[in-house]
Amino acid sequence: MGIVHAKAPPPPQMRNLNQEEWKPLDEVPARVDKIHFDDVVLKAHGVRQQLEMLQAFKSIDIILDTSRGPEASPDGLEVIFNIKEKSRLDGNINVLAGNNEGSLLFRLLAPNIFGRGESLSADYQYGKKTVGFNVATSKPFLNWAKPRLNQFVFGQTADNIWSGFQEKVRGIGAEFTFESSPLVQHSLRWEGVWRNIRCLSPSTPFEVREEAGHSVKSSIKHILCMDQRDDPCLPTHGSYFRLYQEYAGLGGNVGFLKHEIQYQINKCILGDLVLQATLMGGLVRTIGEDSNVRINDRFFLGGPLSLRGFGFNGVGPHAQECSLGAEAYWAGGLHAYMPLPFRPLGQTLDRIVRTHFFLNTGNIGNFAFTDDYHHNTMVLLSHLRWSCGIGLVFNLASVARFELNYCIPLSSQPADKAKEGLQFGVGVNFL
């Protein structure tokens, strides 16, 4: 090996400048038009986002041009916003998917009724098992947190066939939504609700019949949601976190404290193979004079988008054929998504349909928790339900998810409704 000799370069020679050769910094011309143009584009885009948040315009176009006119500066720019306002009264018909049920949503909307982004909407939902309405007003505020104030009156009648009862709900409420960061959304809500439960058939068991009747609930809710996934229905990367908290007891004859949490992470490995892991759980406890949690406030588990391989809400305590729900649950799922063996449309088809293998587990019950964490862990891990299977997942325009699976229950309890074979489901939330 050779030897490299190095030495420091000589210091730069500084020549003496006369006073006449000095110039103040503000007199030195600088090439700032590129920086100035980029700044204008970014600020114009920010204004456009603020206008879109008002939900009062059909389209917003931005035109950038050089400044013209007698008072125009040499390097000036003109920013022109071409907007098309929504009509004073708008309407549409949509299809909703949830709880393994499809329904039609008829909507009338009066946007920007007072000229500051306020809106009035009226919705009517009609499905096979659910009928409801919602009338709401909304007021946005221009702020970095994107705050919005909503007030609403709503009603719903739903047939809970899995439990043998029908619930009729009428209520009012107010909601304040905002973002604590660009991806973290919060919802603070108060609801005052009158509820009525009646049996669906003469064969409804006594454990459900004793829940029948009227109740009044006044509650406050906090919902925190952080969604970093690239797609809500068939993601390939990113994570999702949701925290739901409800306190009931600000009036009425219903009192409880309810918590529910969900976390999901997606990771793309080995090219087109996507691994997904989901963990969720919930706990509700009575407060005040209530000695037990009512059936319409309990948790239910099982179904084609929940703990697969079991009937819809068919896991946990039962009376005859009716599910009673429980005060606590947890569930976890592991999925492996892969493209179809044949790919006639290439990557376009991968965003619409994929095959998946899954392994689900979970537990639900009225657990007797103590201050002993080891005891509580053993309670949650005892009498586990397990299932696995293979199937197809369809992404319905990122609005809903459709699954067609062949499920194999691996472990169940005597009261559970285990279902081996083909199972299909449609919805937005999934394990």
Protein backbone atom coordinates (compact mmCIF):
# COMPACT_ATOMS: atom_id res chain seq x y z
CA MET A 1 0.00 0.00 0.00
CA GLY A 2 1.24 3.48 -0.74
CA ILE A 3 1.49 6.47 1.54
CA VAL A 4 -0.68 9.52 1.01
CA HIS A 5 0.70 12.85 2.13
CA ALA A 6 -1.84 15.56 2.89
CA LYS A 7 -1.58 19.08 4.18
CA ALA A 8 -4.07 21.80 4.95
CA PRO A 9 -4.68 24.35 2.20
CA PRO A 10 -3.33 27.82 2.75
CA PRO A 11 -5.76 30.35 4.23
CA PRO A 12 -7.64 32.41 1.67
CA GLN A 13 -6.12 35.73 0.79
CA MET A 14 -8.31 38.62 1.88
CA ARG A 15 -7.85 41.80 -0.04
CA ASN A 16 -8.50 45.16 1.50
CA LEU A 17 -11.71 46.83 0.38
CA ASN A 18 -12.24 50.53 0.18
CA GLN A 19 -15.24 52.11 1.84
CA GLU A 20 -16.72 52.84 -1.59
CA GLU A 21 -16.76 49.09 -2.42
CA TRP A 22 -19.02 48.13 0.53
CA LYS A 23 -22.77 47.77 -0.02
CA PRO A 24 -25.59 47.39 2.52
CA LEU A 25 -27.23 43.92 2.47
CA ASP A 26 -30.64 45.27 1.57
CA GLU A 27 -29.20 46.80 -1.60
CA VAL A 28 -27.89 43.47 -2.90
CA PRO A 29 -30.35 42.04 -5.51
CA ALA A 30 -31.35 38.44 -4.83
CA ARG A 31 -33.03 35.79 -6.97
CA VAL A 32 -36.07 35.12 -4.77
CA ASP A 33 -38.78 34.64 -7.40
CA LYS A 34 -38.58 30.82 -7.13
CA ILE A 35 -38.88 30.92 -3.33
CA HIS A 36 -41.68 33.47 -3.54
CA PHE A 37 -43.62 31.38 -6.10
CA ASP A 38 -43.38 28.18 -4.01
CA ASP A 39 -44.61 30.05 -0.95
CA VAL A 40 -47.59 31.40 -2.86
CA VAL A 41 -48.50 27.91 -4.13
CA LEU A 42 -48.37 26.43 -0.63
CA LYS A 43 -50.46 29.21 0.87
CA ALA A 44 -53.00 28.99 -1.95
CA HIS A 45 -53.31 25.25 -1.34
CA GLY A 46 -53.86 25.93 2.37
CA VAL A 47 -56.66 28.38 1.57
CA ARG A 48 -58.23 25.79 -0.72
CA GLN A 49 -58.22 23.23 2.11
CA GLN A 50 -59.94 25.74 4.39
CA LEU A 51 -62.62 26.34 1.76
CA GLU A 52 -63.13 22.60 1.23
CA MET A 53 -63.60 22.18 4.98
CA LEU A 54 -66.71 24.37 4.75
CA GLN A 55 -68.33 21.72 2.49
CA ALA A 56 -70.18 24.50 0.66
CA PHE A 57 -68.60 24.27 -2.80
CA LYS A 58 -68.81 21.76 -5.63
CA SER A 59 -65.42 22.67 -7.07
CA ILE A 60 -62.51 24.95 -6.18
CA ASP A 61 -59.94 25.80 -8.88
CA ILE A 62 -56.82 27.92 -8.41
CA ILE A 63 -55.31 30.08 -11.17
CA LEU A 64 -51.88 31.68 -10.74
CA ASP A 65 -50.89 34.51 -13.09
CA THR A 66 -48.51 37.44 -13.21
CA SER A 67 -49.79 40.64 -11.71
CA ARG A 68 -51.32 43.02 -14.24
CA GLY A 69 -52.69 46.53 -14.22
CA PRO A 70 -51.38 50.02 -13.54
CA GLU A 71 -50.63 49.26 -9.88
CA ALA A 72 -49.06 45.84 -10.49
CA SER A 73 -45.59 45.22 -9.10
CA PRO A 74 -42.89 43.84 -11.44
CA ASP A 75 -42.60 40.50 -9.62
CA GLY A 76 -46.20 40.31 -8.37
CA LEU A 77 -48.53 37.33 -8.70
CA GLU A 78 -52.29 37.12 -8.88
CA VAL A 79 -54.08 34.22 -7.17
CA ILE A 80 -57.60 33.64 -8.48
CA PHE A 81 -60.01 31.17 -6.85
CA ASN A 82 -62.73 29.95 -9.20
CA ILE A 83 -65.39 28.34 -7.03
CA LYS A 84 -68.73 26.78 -7.82
CA GLU A 85 -71.13 26.87 -4.93
CA LYS A 86 -73.47 24.00 -4.17
CA SER A 87 -77.15 24.46 -4.85
CA ARG A 88 -79.33 25.71 -2.03
CA LEU A 89 -81.00 22.32 -1.75
CA ASP A 90 -79.28 19.08 -2.65
CA GLY A 91 -80.24 15.45 -2.33
CA ASN A 92 -78.83 11.99 -2.93
CA ILE A 93 -79.43 8.31 -2.32
CA ASN A 94 -76.63 6.13 -0.96
CA VAL A 95 -76.19 2.52 0.07
CA LEU A 96 -74.94 1.88 3.61
CA ALA A 97 -73.28 -1.32 4.79
CA GLY A 98 -72.88 -2.28 8.42
CA ASN A 99 -73.69 -5.02 10.94
CA ASN A 100 -73.90 -7.45 8.03
CA GLU A 101 -76.86 -5.51 6.64
CA GLY A 102 -77.32 -3.23 3.67
CA SER A 103 -79.68 -0.26 3.77
CA LEU A 104 -80.68 2.74 1.68
CA LEU A 105 -79.95 6.27 2.88
CA PHE A 106 -82.06 9.13 1.51
CA ARG A 107 -80.56 12.56 2.22
CA LEU A 108 -81.63 16.17 1.77
CA LEU A 109 -78.96 18.81 2.37
CA ALA A 110 -79.12 22.60 2.57
CA PRO A 111 -75.48 23.77 2.54
CA ASN A 112 -74.17 27.21 3.51
CA ILE A 113 -77.58 28.38 4.70
CA PHE A 114 -76.24 31.51 6.46
CA GLY A 115 -73.18 32.12 4.30
CA ARG A 116 -70.55 30.88 6.76
CA GLY A 117 -70.54 27.17 5.99
CA GLU A 118 -73.53 26.21 8.15
CA SER A 119 -75.61 23.32 6.88
CA LEU A 120 -78.89 21.56 7.59
CA SER A 121 -79.39 17.90 6.67
CA ALA A 122 -82.20 15.39 6.92
CA ASP A 123 -81.53 11.64 6.55
CA TYR A 124 -83.85 8.67 6.34
CA GLN A 125 -82.40 5.16 6.52
CA TYR A 126 -84.32 2.08 5.46
CA GLY A 127 -83.06 -1.47 5.82
CA LYS A 128 -84.38 -4.94 6.38
CA LYS A 129 -83.79 -4.81 10.14
CA THR A 130 -83.18 -1.10 10.76
CA VAL A 131 -85.25 2.03 10.07
CA GLY A 132 -84.18 5.45 11.27
CA PHE A 133 -83.98 9.19 10.71
CA ASN A 134 -81.57 11.98 11.61
CA VAL A 135 -81.96 15.77 11.35
CA ALA A 136 -78.76 17.70 12.01
CA THR A 137 -77.24 21.17 11.82
CA SER A 138 -73.51 21.73 11.45
CA LYS A 139 -71.31 24.79 11.97
CA PRO A 140 -67.60 24.74 11.00
CA PHE A 141 -64.95 27.05 12.41
CA LEU A 142 -61.85 28.10 10.49
CA ASN A 143 -58.97 26.95 12.65
CA TRP A 144 -55.95 24.66 12.39
CA ALA A 145 -57.81 22.09 14.54
CA LYS A 146 -60.78 22.02 12.09
CA PRO A 147 -63.41 22.33 14.83
CA ARG A 148 -67.06 21.71 14.01
CA LEU A 149 -70.21 21.93 16.11
CA ASN A 150 -73.14 19.62 15.34
CA GLN A 151 -76.62 19.39 16.84
CA PHE A 152 -79.00 16.58 15.95
CA VAL A 153 -82.34 14.91 16.54
CA PHE A 154 -82.51 11.22 15.70
CA GLY A 155 -84.60 8.10 15.92
CA GLN A 156 -84.12 4.44 15.09
CA THR A 157 -86.01 1.17 15.26
CA ALA A 158 -83.86 -1.96 15.04
CA ASP A 159 -84.68 -5.66 15.20
CA ASN A 160 -81.96 -7.38 17.21
CA ILE A 161 -82.85 -10.84 15.98
CA TRP A 162 -79.84 -12.49 17.64
CA SER A 163 -81.23 -11.46 21.04
CA GLY A 164 -84.96 -11.69 20.33
CA PHE A 165 -85.91 -8.05 20.97
CA GLN A 166 -86.70 -4.85 19.12
CA GLU A 167 -85.34 -1.52 20.30
CA LYS A 168 -86.90 1.85 19.53
CA VAL A 169 -84.74 4.92 20.17
CA ARG A 170 -85.55 8.64 20.11
CA GLY A 171 -83.02 11.23 21.15
CA ILE A 172 -81.28 14.58 20.84
CA GLY A 173 -77.62 15.45 21.07
CA ALA A 174 -74.74 17.82 20.44
CA GLU A 175 -71.25 17.04 19.19
CA PHE A 176 -67.98 18.97 18.99
CA THR A 177 -65.29 17.53 16.71
CA PHE A 178 -61.71 18.68 16.27
CA GLU A 179 -58.21 17.48 15.42
CA SER A 180 -55.39 17.61 17.97
CA SER A 181 -52.96 16.83 15.13
CA PRO A 182 -53.42 16.23 11.39
CA LEU A 183 -54.17 12.51 11.92
CA VAL A 184 -55.76 12.49 15.40
CA GLN A 185 -59.51 13.17 15.44
CA HIS A 186 -61.63 13.75 18.55
CA SER A 187 -65.37 13.73 19.08
CA LEU A 188 -67.02 15.04 22.26
CA ARG A 189 -70.72 14.22 22.34
CA TRP A 190 -73.70 14.49 24.65
CA GLU A 191 -76.84 12.44 24.02
CA GLY A 192 -80.20 12.34 25.72
CA VAL A 193 -82.04 9.18 24.63
CA TRP A 194 -85.38 7.52 25.32
CA ARG A 195 -85.30 3.79 24.62
CA ASN A 196 -87.99 1.13 24.51
CA ILE A 197 -87.39 -2.62 24.29
CA ARG A 198 -90.06 -5.14 23.35
CA CYS A 199 -89.91 -8.83 22.55
CA LEU A 200 -89.95 -9.99 18.95
CA SER A 201 -91.84 -13.26 19.53
CA PRO A 202 -93.78 -15.15 22.21
CA SER A 203 -90.87 -17.58 22.53
CA THR A 204 -88.42 -14.90 23.71
CA PRO A 205 -86.77 -16.20 26.91
CA PHE A 206 -87.39 -14.64 30.32
CA GLU A 207 -83.81 -13.33 30.57
CA VAL A 208 -84.60 -11.02 27.64
CA ARG A 209 -88.19 -10.30 28.67
CA GLU A 210 -87.09 -8.83 31.99
CA GLU A 211 -85.09 -6.23 30.03
CA ALA A 212 -88.23 -5.04 28.19
CA GLY A 213 -89.67 -1.61 28.87
CA HIS A 214 -88.64 2.02 28.82
CA SER A 215 -85.37 3.63 29.88
CA VAL A 216 -83.89 7.13 29.66
CA LYS A 217 -80.16 7.60 29.19
CA SER A 218 -78.16 10.82 29.36
CA SER A 219 -74.50 10.29 28.53
CA ILE A 220 -71.32 12.00 27.38
CA LYS A 221 -68.96 10.29 24.95
CA HIS A 222 -65.39 10.80 23.85
CA ILE A 223 -64.09 9.11 20.71
CA LEU A 224 -60.45 9.34 19.67
CA CYS A 225 -59.45 8.01 16.26
CA MET A 226 -56.08 7.92 14.51
CA ASP A 227 -56.09 6.33 11.05
CA GLN A 228 -52.78 6.08 9.17
CA ARG A 229 -53.85 3.30 6.78
CA ASP A 230 -53.70 3.73 3.02
CA ASP A 231 -57.21 2.26 2.72
CA PRO A 232 -59.87 1.78 5.42
CA CYS A 233 -61.27 -1.47 3.97
CA LEU A 234 -58.31 -3.30 2.41
CA PRO A 235 -55.10 -1.67 3.72
CA THR A 236 -51.57 -2.66 2.74
CA HIS A 237 -49.68 -0.57 5.30
CA GLY A 238 -50.29 1.78 8.21
CA SER A 239 -52.00 1.55 11.58
CA TYR A 240 -55.39 2.35 13.09
CA PHE A 241 -56.26 3.25 16.68
CA ARG A 242 -59.67 3.97 18.19
CA LEU A 243 -60.66 4.71 21.78
CA TYR A 244 -64.31 4.93 22.82
CA GLN A 245 -65.37 6.16 26.26
CA GLU A 246 -68.90 6.75 27.54
CA TYR A 247 -70.24 7.92 30.89
CA ALA A 248 -74.00 7.52 31.43
CA GLY A 249 -75.68 8.87 34.54
CA LEU A 250 -76.21 12.59 33.96
CA GLY A 251 -79.93 12.07 34.39
CA GLY A 252 -82.36 9.33 33.51
CA ASN A 253 -82.40 5.85 35.01
CA VAL A 254 -79.31 4.38 33.30
CA GLY A 255 -75.83 4.61 34.76
CA PHE A 256 -72.60 2.99 33.57
CA LEU A 257 -69.00 3.64 32.56
CA LYS A 258 -67.93 2.09 29.28
CA HIS A 259 -64.55 1.76 27.58
CA GLU A 260 -63.65 0.16 24.24
CA ILE A 261 -60.31 0.14 22.44
CA GLN A 262 -59.09 -1.15 19.07
CA TYR A 263 -55.65 -1.25 17.45
CA GLN A 264 -54.69 -2.53 14.01
CA ILE A 265 -51.36 -2.61 12.20
CA ASN A 266 -50.62 -3.58 8.59
CA LYS A 267 -47.22 -4.44 7.15
CA CYS A 268 -46.29 -5.34 3.57
CA ILE A 269 -43.54 -7.97 3.41
CA LEU A 270 -42.11 -10.18 0.68
CA GLY A 271 -43.50 -8.13 -2.16
CA ASP A 272 -47.28 -8.53 -2.28
CA LEU A 273 -47.78 -10.36 1.03
CA VAL A 274 -49.53 -8.17 3.62
CA LEU A 275 -49.69 -9.14 7.30
CA GLN A 276 -52.37 -7.61 9.49
CA ALA A 277 -52.78 -7.87 13.27
CA THR A 278 -55.80 -6.53 15.17
CA LEU A 279 -56.52 -6.41 18.90
CA MET A 280 -59.65 -5.01 20.53
CA GLY A 281 -61.42 -5.14 23.86
CA GLY A 282 -64.11 -3.52 25.97
CA LEU A 283 -65.35 -3.18 29.55
CA VAL A 284 -68.55 -1.72 31.00
CA ARG A 285 -69.44 -1.31 34.68
CA THR A 286 -72.61 0.01 36.33
CA ILE A 287 -72.67 3.11 38.50
CA GLY A 288 -75.40 4.62 40.62
CA GLU A 289 -78.55 2.65 41.35
CA ASP A 290 -78.27 0.20 38.45
CA SER A 291 -77.39 -3.29 39.64
CA ASN A 292 -76.73 -4.70 36.18
CA VAL A 293 -75.89 -3.46 32.70
CA ARG A 294 -78.91 -3.48 30.40
CA ILE A 295 -78.85 -5.76 27.38
CA ASN A 296 -78.76 -2.86 24.90
CA ASP A 297 -75.59 -1.50 26.57
CA ARG A 298 -73.62 -4.77 26.67
CA PHE A 299 -70.97 -6.09 24.30
CA PHE A 300 -71.58 -8.79 21.70
CA LEU A 301 -69.02 -10.89 19.85
CA GLY A 302 -69.02 -13.15 16.81
CA GLY A 303 -69.86 -12.96 13.13
CA PRO A 304 -68.35 -12.88 9.64
CA LEU A 305 -66.42 -9.63 10.28
CA SER A 306 -65.82 -10.23 13.98
CA LEU A 307 -64.87 -13.58 15.49
CA ARG A 308 -65.27 -15.57 12.29
CA GLY A 309 -66.58 -19.12 12.34
CA PHE A 310 -69.40 -18.19 14.74
CA GLY A 311 -72.91 -16.84 14.26
CA PHE A 312 -73.57 -13.12 14.23
CA ASN A 313 -73.19 -12.01 17.87
CA GLY A 314 -73.32 -15.71 18.68
CA VAL A 315 -70.44 -15.98 21.18
CA GLY A 316 -70.97 -15.75 24.92
CA PRO A 317 -73.88 -16.12 27.34
CA HIS A 318 -77.16 -17.34 25.85
CA ALA A 319 -80.69 -18.07 26.99
CA GLN A 320 -82.19 -20.67 24.69
CA GLU A 321 -81.25 -19.33 21.23
CA CYS A 322 -80.93 -15.67 22.23
CA SER A 323 -77.61 -13.97 22.89
CA LEU A 324 -77.50 -12.01 26.15
CA GLY A 325 -74.25 -10.11 25.65
CA ALA A 326 -71.69 -9.51 28.40
CA GLU A 327 -69.87 -6.80 30.33
CA ALA A 328 -66.36 -7.49 29.01
CA TYR A 329 -64.71 -8.95 25.94
CA TRP A 330 -61.50 -9.07 23.97
CA ALA A 331 -60.62 -10.39 20.53
CA GLY A 332 -57.60 -10.65 18.29
CA GLY A 333 -57.02 -11.47 14.66
CA LEU A 334 -54.08 -12.27 12.41
CA HIS A 335 -54.47 -12.05 8.62
CA ALA A 336 -52.24 -12.75 5.64
CA TYR A 337 -53.40 -11.09 2.39
CA MET A 338 -52.11 -12.15 -1.02
CA PRO A 339 -53.08 -11.37 -4.63
CA LEU A 340 -55.13 -13.83 -6.64
CA PRO A 341 -53.10 -16.55 -8.41
CA PHE A 342 -54.20 -15.11 -11.77
CA ARG A 343 -53.91 -11.35 -12.24
CA PRO A 344 -55.58 -10.33 -15.52
CA LEU A 345 -55.71 -6.66 -14.50
CA GLY A 346 -52.38 -6.56 -12.67
CA GLN A 347 -52.12 -4.35 -9.62
CA THR A 348 -55.51 -2.79 -10.33
CA LEU A 349 -57.21 -6.03 -9.33
CA ASP A 350 -55.07 -6.27 -6.18
CA ARG A 351 -56.72 -3.12 -4.84
CA ILE A 352 -60.18 -4.62 -5.38
CA VAL A 353 -59.93 -8.27 -4.31
CA ARG A 354 -57.41 -10.37 -2.41
CA THR A 355 -57.21 -13.79 -0.86
CA HIS A 356 -56.60 -14.00 2.87
CA PHE A 357 -55.83 -16.54 5.55
CA PHE A 358 -56.96 -15.69 9.07
CA LEU A 359 -56.66 -16.85 12.66
CA ASN A 360 -59.09 -15.37 15.20
CA THR A 361 -59.38 -15.73 18.95
CA GLY A 362 -61.28 -14.02 21.73
CA ASN A 363 -63.31 -14.26 24.91
CA ILE A 364 -66.46 -12.66 26.29
CA GLY A 365 -68.26 -12.90 29.61
CA ASN A 366 -69.25 -11.28 32.88
CA PHE A 367 -65.80 -11.70 34.38
CA ALA A 368 -65.16 -11.26 38.10
CA PHE A 369 -62.08 -9.04 38.10
CA THR A 370 -60.04 -8.35 41.24
CA ASP A 371 -56.95 -6.32 42.13
CA ASP A 372 -54.78 -9.33 41.29
CA TYR A 373 -53.47 -8.80 37.74
CA HIS A 374 -52.35 -12.43 37.43
CA HIS A 375 -55.85 -13.61 38.33
CA ASN A 376 -57.42 -11.21 35.83
CA THR A 377 -55.08 -12.40 33.08
CA MET A 378 -55.96 -16.03 33.73
CA VAL A 379 -59.67 -15.17 33.65
CA LEU A 380 -59.32 -13.48 30.25
CA LEU A 381 -57.28 -16.36 28.82
CA SER A 382 -59.56 -19.15 30.02
CA HIS A 383 -62.28 -20.66 27.80
CA LEU A 384 -60.86 -19.06 24.65
CA ARG A 385 -62.57 -19.35 21.29
CA TRP A 386 -60.42 -20.04 18.23
CA SER A 387 -61.15 -20.15 14.52
CA CYS A 388 -59.24 -20.11 11.25
CA GLY A 389 -60.03 -20.12 7.57
CA ILE A 390 -59.41 -18.88 4.07
CA GLY A 391 -61.42 -16.63 1.80
CA LEU A 392 -61.74 -13.65 -0.51
CA VAL A 393 -61.90 -9.99 0.51
CA PHE A 394 -63.51 -7.42 -1.81
CA ASN A 395 -62.95 -3.69 -1.46
CA LEU A 396 -66.20 -1.93 -2.39
CA ALA A 397 -64.81 1.47 -3.44
CA SER A 398 -63.26 1.96 0.03
CA VAL A 399 -66.80 2.37 1.39
CA ALA A 400 -67.39 -1.17 2.63
CA ARG A 401 -65.68 -4.53 2.82
CA PHE A 402 -67.17 -7.81 1.61
CA GLU A 403 -65.79 -11.16 2.76
CA LEU A 404 -66.53 -14.67 1.54
CA ASN A 405 -64.75 -17.17 3.79
CA TYR A 406 -64.60 -20.84 4.60
CA CYS A 407 -64.36 -20.93 8.40
CA ILE A 408 -63.27 -23.68 10.78
CA PRO A 409 -64.04 -23.19 14.49
CA LEU A 410 -61.16 -24.71 16.46
CA SER A 411 -62.43 -24.13 19.98
CA SER A 412 -65.83 -23.09 21.34
CA GLN A 413 -67.99 -23.22 24.45
CA PRO A 414 -71.32 -25.08 24.79
CA ALA A 415 -73.45 -21.91 24.55
CA ASP A 416 -71.68 -20.57 21.45
CA LYS A 417 -73.13 -20.79 17.95
CA ALA A 418 -70.18 -22.25 16.06
CA LYS A 419 -70.63 -22.36 12.28
CA GLU A 420 -68.25 -24.33 10.10
CA GLY A 421 -68.42 -23.73 6.37
CA LEU A 422 -69.01 -20.78 4.09
CA GLN A 423 -69.68 -17.44 5.73
CA PHE A 424 -70.05 -14.02 4.13
CA GLY A 425 -70.32 -10.55 5.59
CA VAL A 426 -70.30 -6.89 4.61
CA GLY A 427 -69.41 -3.84 6.67
CA VAL A 428 -66.77 -1.26 7.54
CA ASN A 429 -65.45 -2.39 10.93
CA PHE A 430 -63.67 -5.73 11.01
CA LEU A 431 -61.40 -7.85 13.20
